[in-house]
Each structure stands twice: as C-alpha cells, then as structure tokens.
N, C-alpha and C. Protein backbone atom coordinates (compact mmCIF):
# COMPACT_ATOMS: atom_id res chain seq x y z
N MET A 1 16.83 -27.93 13.59
CA MET A 1 16.39 -28.00 11.77
C MET A 1 17.90 -27.83 10.80
N ARG A 2 19.32 -28.71 11.64
CA ARG A 2 20.20 -28.80 10.82
C ARG A 2 20.80 -30.92 10.33
N SER A 3 18.88 -30.67 11.41
CA SER A 3 19.47 -32.29 11.48
C SER A 3 19.01 -32.93 10.14
N ARG A 4 17.25 -32.69 9.39
CA ARG A 4 17.10 -32.06 8.35
C ARG A 4 17.43 -32.62 7.04
N ARG A 5 16.95 -33.39 6.02
CA ARG A 5 17.60 -32.78 4.07
C ARG A 5 16.67 -31.84 4.34
N GLN A 6 15.61 -31.80 4.87
CA GLN A 6 14.26 -30.67 4.07
C GLN A 6 13.87 -29.97 4.88
N PRO A 7 14.39 -28.89 5.47
CA PRO A 7 13.96 -28.23 7.11
C PRO A 7 12.45 -27.09 6.52
N LEU A 8 12.33 -27.19 7.30
CA LEU A 8 10.63 -25.91 6.96
C LEU A 8 10.36 -24.89 7.68
N VAL A 9 10.07 -23.96 7.31
CA VAL A 9 9.34 -22.96 8.38
C VAL A 9 9.07 -22.34 7.58
N TRP A 10 7.26 -22.10 8.28
CA TRP A 10 6.63 -21.26 7.93
C TRP A 10 6.02 -20.35 8.36
N ASP A 11 6.35 -18.82 7.69
CA ASP A 11 6.00 -17.90 8.29
C ASP A 11 4.82 -17.29 7.71
N HIS A 12 3.45 -16.47 8.78
CA HIS A 12 2.80 -16.73 8.41
C HIS A 12 2.47 -14.65 7.81
N ASN A 13 3.49 -14.03 8.87
CA ASN A 13 3.36 -12.70 8.28
C ASN A 13 4.76 -11.61 8.67
N GLY A 14 5.10 -10.73 8.57
CA GLY A 14 6.25 -10.49 8.34
C GLY A 14 6.72 -9.77 9.59
N GLY A 15 5.22 -9.33 9.37
CA GLY A 15 4.69 -8.26 11.25
C GLY A 15 5.10 -6.42 10.81
N PHE A 16 5.72 -6.08 11.59
CA PHE A 16 5.86 -4.41 12.16
C PHE A 16 6.95 -4.10 12.77
N ASN A 17 6.49 -5.15 13.72
CA ASN A 17 8.28 -5.52 15.14
C ASN A 17 9.86 -5.90 13.65
N GLN A 18 10.04 -4.53 13.42
CA GLN A 18 11.47 -4.52 12.77
C GLN A 18 12.27 -4.95 13.31
N ALA A 19 12.40 -5.67 15.17
CA ALA A 19 13.53 -6.40 15.08
C ALA A 19 12.90 -7.52 15.85
N SER A 20 12.24 -8.91 14.62
CA SER A 20 11.77 -9.47 15.11
C SER A 20 12.14 -10.35 13.83
N TRP A 21 11.97 -11.25 15.03
CA TRP A 21 12.30 -12.49 13.38
C TRP A 21 12.25 -12.53 12.55
N CYS A 22 10.77 -12.52 12.60
CA CYS A 22 9.59 -12.72 10.81
C CYS A 22 9.63 -11.30 10.06
N TYR A 23 9.59 -9.73 10.96
CA TYR A 23 10.12 -9.05 9.68
C TYR A 23 11.41 -10.00 9.18
N GLU A 24 12.43 -9.83 9.68
CA GLU A 24 13.94 -10.16 9.54
C GLU A 24 13.79 -11.71 7.95
N MET A 25 13.08 -12.60 8.26
CA MET A 25 12.99 -13.06 7.54
C MET A 25 12.22 -13.39 6.34
N ARG A 26 11.29 -11.62 6.50
CA ARG A 26 10.44 -11.31 5.27
C ARG A 26 11.40 -10.01 3.99
N ARG A 27 12.38 -9.93 5.48
CA ARG A 27 13.60 -9.05 4.91
C ARG A 27 14.20 -9.79 3.47
N TYR A 28 14.57 -10.88 4.02
CA TYR A 28 16.43 -11.73 3.45
C TYR A 28 15.04 -12.09 2.96
N ALA A 29 13.10 -12.49 2.43
CA ALA A 29 12.62 -12.94 1.39
C ALA A 29 12.95 -12.31 0.17
N THR A 30 12.87 -11.39 0.51
CA THR A 30 12.51 -10.39 -0.65
C THR A 30 13.73 -9.69 -0.84
N GLN A 31 14.93 -9.92 -0.10
CA GLN A 31 16.75 -9.94 -1.32
C GLN A 31 16.87 -10.89 -2.12
N VAL A 32 15.88 -12.20 -1.56
CA VAL A 32 16.50 -13.73 -2.53
C VAL A 32 15.38 -13.08 -2.77
N LEU A 33 14.13 -12.92 -3.59
CA LEU A 33 13.63 -12.60 -4.70
C LEU A 33 14.77 -11.66 -5.46
N ASP A 34 14.89 -10.75 -4.99
CA ASP A 34 14.71 -9.57 -5.26
C ASP A 34 16.24 -9.86 -6.78
N GLY A 35 16.53 -10.93 -6.19
CA GLY A 35 17.73 -11.17 -6.28
C GLY A 35 19.84 -10.69 -6.58
N VAL A 36 19.09 -9.82 -5.27
CA VAL A 36 19.89 -9.38 -4.07
C VAL A 36 21.23 -10.41 -3.62
N VAL A 37 20.60 -11.00 -3.51
CA VAL A 37 21.09 -12.19 -2.13
C VAL A 37 20.63 -13.46 -3.01
N SER A 38 22.20 -14.12 -3.35
CA SER A 38 21.87 -15.98 -4.09
C SER A 38 21.80 -16.77 -3.38
N ASP A 39 20.27 -17.54 -2.96
CA ASP A 39 21.18 -19.03 -1.92
C ASP A 39 19.62 -19.88 -2.39
N ASP A 40 20.14 -20.58 -3.29
CA ASP A 40 19.37 -20.94 -3.61
C ASP A 40 18.43 -22.18 -2.87
N GLY A 41 18.85 -22.53 -1.58
CA GLY A 41 18.64 -23.39 -0.76
C GLY A 41 17.48 -22.20 0.47
N PHE A 42 16.91 -21.34 -0.13
CA PHE A 42 16.46 -20.93 0.68
C PHE A 42 15.12 -20.33 0.22
N PHE A 43 13.93 -21.47 0.11
CA PHE A 43 12.69 -20.92 -0.93
C PHE A 43 11.79 -20.14 -0.19
N CYS A 44 11.03 -19.13 -0.90
CA CYS A 44 10.05 -18.32 -0.52
C CYS A 44 8.94 -17.65 -1.16
N ILE A 45 7.89 -17.14 -0.70
CA ILE A 45 7.07 -16.44 -1.29
C ILE A 45 6.70 -16.20 -0.65
N ILE A 46 5.45 -15.27 -1.41
CA ILE A 46 4.98 -13.84 -0.65
C ILE A 46 4.05 -13.40 -1.09
N TYR A 47 3.33 -13.81 -0.73
CA TYR A 47 1.03 -13.38 -1.11
C TYR A 47 1.15 -11.85 -1.15
N THR A 48 0.88 -11.03 -2.36
CA THR A 48 0.44 -9.29 -1.80
C THR A 48 -0.38 -8.67 -2.56
N LEU A 49 -0.47 -7.98 -2.16
CA LEU A 49 -0.92 -6.83 -4.04
C LEU A 49 -0.24 -7.20 -4.84
N ASP A 50 -0.77 -6.16 -6.32
CA ASP A 50 0.30 -5.43 -6.40
C ASP A 50 1.52 -4.18 -6.23
N ARG A 51 2.07 -4.26 -6.44
CA ARG A 51 2.42 -2.61 -6.56
C ARG A 51 1.17 -1.38 -6.61
N GLU A 52 0.95 -1.01 -7.74
CA GLU A 52 0.15 -0.44 -8.09
C GLU A 52 -1.36 -1.05 -7.17
N ASP A 53 -1.59 -1.80 -6.81
CA ASP A 53 -2.49 -2.06 -5.81
C ASP A 53 -2.50 -1.87 -4.57
N ILE A 54 -1.31 -1.51 -3.81
CA ILE A 54 -1.25 -0.94 -2.93
C ILE A 54 -1.24 0.54 -2.90
N GLU A 55 -0.07 1.25 -3.46
CA GLU A 55 -0.40 2.84 -3.79
C GLU A 55 -1.94 2.98 -3.90
N ARG A 56 -2.63 2.51 -4.62
CA ARG A 56 -4.29 3.16 -4.32
C ARG A 56 -4.36 3.33 -3.15
N PRO A 57 -4.89 4.41 -3.05
CA PRO A 57 -5.72 4.17 -1.28
C PRO A 57 -6.63 3.87 -1.49
N ASP A 58 -7.10 2.68 -2.09
CA ASP A 58 -8.51 2.52 -0.92
C ASP A 58 -8.55 0.94 -2.44
N GLY A 59 -7.43 0.09 -2.36
CA GLY A 59 -6.91 -0.94 -3.20
C GLY A 59 -7.40 -2.03 -2.12
N TRP A 60 -6.77 -1.81 -0.79
CA TRP A 60 -6.59 -3.11 0.53
C TRP A 60 -8.17 -2.94 0.92
N LYS A 61 -9.48 -2.22 0.03
CA LYS A 61 -10.94 -2.88 0.38
C LYS A 61 -11.09 -2.95 -1.19
N ASP A 62 -10.81 -3.03 -1.83
CA ASP A 62 -10.77 -4.02 -3.11
C ASP A 62 -11.32 -5.39 -2.94
N GLU A 63 -12.18 -6.07 -3.07
CA GLU A 63 -12.80 -7.77 -2.61
C GLU A 63 -12.01 -8.36 -3.91
N THR A 64 -12.29 -8.08 -5.18
CA THR A 64 -11.59 -8.21 -6.09
C THR A 64 -10.17 -8.48 -6.44
N LEU A 65 -9.21 -8.08 -5.79
CA LEU A 65 -7.60 -8.10 -5.46
C LEU A 65 -7.73 -8.96 -3.61
N TRP A 66 -8.26 -9.21 -3.35
CA TRP A 66 -8.20 -9.51 -2.32
C TRP A 66 -7.12 -11.40 -2.36
N ILE A 67 -7.60 -12.13 -3.18
CA ILE A 67 -6.54 -13.52 -3.27
C ILE A 67 -5.68 -13.04 -3.83
N LYS A 68 -5.54 -12.29 -4.31
CA LYS A 68 -4.00 -11.89 -4.39
C LYS A 68 -2.38 -12.05 -3.18
N ALA A 69 -3.79 -11.96 -2.26
CA ALA A 69 -2.56 -11.99 -0.82
C ALA A 69 -3.54 -12.76 0.48
N ASN A 70 -4.55 -13.11 -0.70
CA ASN A 70 -4.81 -15.15 0.78
C ASN A 70 -5.10 -15.77 -0.69
N PRO A 71 -3.85 -16.24 -0.85
CA PRO A 71 -4.59 -17.95 -2.22
C PRO A 71 -5.58 -18.70 -1.28
N ASN A 72 -5.90 -19.43 -0.28
CA ASN A 72 -7.34 -20.03 -0.20
C ASN A 72 -8.67 -19.07 0.32
N LEU A 73 -9.09 -18.41 -0.43
CA LEU A 73 -9.17 -17.97 0.13
C LEU A 73 -10.24 -18.22 -0.69
N GLU A 74 -11.76 -19.43 0.40
CA GLU A 74 -12.75 -19.55 0.42
C GLU A 74 -12.53 -21.14 0.38
N VAL A 75 -11.07 -21.33 0.92
CA VAL A 75 -10.70 -22.58 1.42
C VAL A 75 -10.48 -22.99 2.64
N SER A 76 -9.40 -22.06 2.52
CA SER A 76 -9.99 -21.85 4.92
C SER A 76 -9.88 -20.71 4.78
N ILE A 77 -10.00 -19.87 4.62
CA ILE A 77 -9.75 -18.04 4.75
C ILE A 77 -10.95 -17.85 3.89
N ASP A 78 -12.40 -17.56 5.06
CA ASP A 78 -13.33 -17.43 4.61
C ASP A 78 -14.07 -15.80 4.22
N LEU A 79 -14.42 -16.07 3.20
CA LEU A 79 -14.82 -14.16 2.68
C LEU A 79 -15.62 -13.86 2.89
N GLU A 80 -16.27 -14.03 4.16
CA GLU A 80 -17.06 -13.49 5.11
C GLU A 80 -16.61 -13.01 5.91
N ALA A 81 -15.61 -13.53 7.22
CA ALA A 81 -14.91 -12.55 8.16
C ALA A 81 -14.16 -11.49 7.50
N LEU A 82 -13.27 -12.38 6.64
CA LEU A 82 -12.41 -11.47 5.73
C LEU A 82 -13.17 -9.89 5.34
N HIS A 83 -13.78 -9.57 5.15
CA HIS A 83 -15.02 -8.77 4.43
C HIS A 83 -15.81 -8.04 5.24
N ASP A 84 -15.64 -8.70 6.44
CA ASP A 84 -16.37 -8.07 8.67
C ASP A 84 -14.86 -7.35 8.21
N ALA A 85 -13.90 -8.20 8.99
CA ALA A 85 -12.86 -7.30 9.55
C ALA A 85 -11.80 -6.75 8.51
N ALA A 86 -12.14 -6.50 7.12
CA ALA A 86 -11.89 -5.18 6.33
C ALA A 86 -12.64 -3.91 6.82
N VAL A 87 -14.34 -4.01 7.84
CA VAL A 87 -14.57 -3.60 7.55
C VAL A 87 -14.92 -2.72 9.37
N ARG A 88 -14.44 -3.88 9.52
CA ARG A 88 -13.69 -2.54 11.01
C ARG A 88 -11.91 -2.13 10.94
N ALA A 89 -11.89 -2.47 10.38
CA ALA A 89 -10.20 -2.36 9.81
C ALA A 89 -10.38 -0.53 8.81
N GLU A 90 -11.81 -0.38 8.10
CA GLU A 90 -11.82 0.54 7.53
C GLU A 90 -12.29 1.89 8.90
N THR A 91 -12.80 1.45 10.28
CA THR A 91 -13.30 2.59 10.84
C THR A 91 -11.65 2.66 11.80
N MET A 92 -11.35 1.90 12.26
CA MET A 92 -10.34 1.11 13.25
C MET A 92 -8.92 1.21 13.41
N GLN A 93 -7.91 2.22 13.17
CA GLN A 93 -7.20 1.55 12.28
C GLN A 93 -5.99 0.80 12.87
N THR A 94 -6.52 0.51 14.21
CA THR A 94 -5.49 -0.48 14.59
C THR A 94 -6.24 -2.02 13.93
N ALA A 95 -6.71 -1.74 13.40
CA ALA A 95 -8.12 -3.16 12.52
C ALA A 95 -6.90 -3.76 12.08
N ARG A 96 -6.51 -2.28 11.12
CA ARG A 96 -5.74 -3.11 9.97
C ARG A 96 -4.58 -3.48 10.19
N SER A 97 -4.25 -3.44 10.76
CA SER A 97 -2.72 -4.56 11.66
C SER A 97 -2.72 -6.36 11.80
N GLN A 98 -4.41 -6.09 12.08
CA GLN A 98 -4.81 -7.35 12.89
C GLN A 98 -4.97 -7.72 11.85
N SER A 99 -5.56 -7.64 11.21
CA SER A 99 -6.81 -8.18 9.62
C SER A 99 -6.01 -8.82 8.47
C-alpha cells in the first residue's frame, strides 16, 4: 500500500468482532467523520440508516429506508433478495447480522 500514490482499501462491513481489522477501520472512519481525528489522507464513507431510523424498533424493516444503507439497491443489490433476507431476519436472530 505504501508504494502506491493513491492506495485504496474497500471494506464492506465493520463487523461485530471488536478485535477485527474491519471493526477498527470503521471506528477510525467514524472518528474522522466526526472530526475527532484529523486525517486528510483518509477518505471514508459509511452508508447507514439515520440515528432516528435506527432508534425506531422496526426501522430496519422499513423498505423505504433500505436505500440509505444500500445505495446500489436495484443496481447490484437485488431488492427481492434483500426483502427475503429481512423476512428471515425477522424470525431468526442469527440471520440479522448476516443480512
């Protein structure tokens, strides 16, 4: 990475394992976005629901909000497949972290 003028690392999910590299990168990205850490060479973007959407008990089930966390919805992410995953996640708690 250091030999490249503009290196790029793509991480799709911060994950839940707080000891993982992905989780650490998400935490760092959040600190940069919040202005806690100043790092002009670090570009990050996090697609997620707004805080008030997350605080709603059924916010994750609202299909009108899914575009916020999935900006490529209906481009490379199939709405029907995402809907099927949400139906499973509603009943199977273990499916929630994988969907």
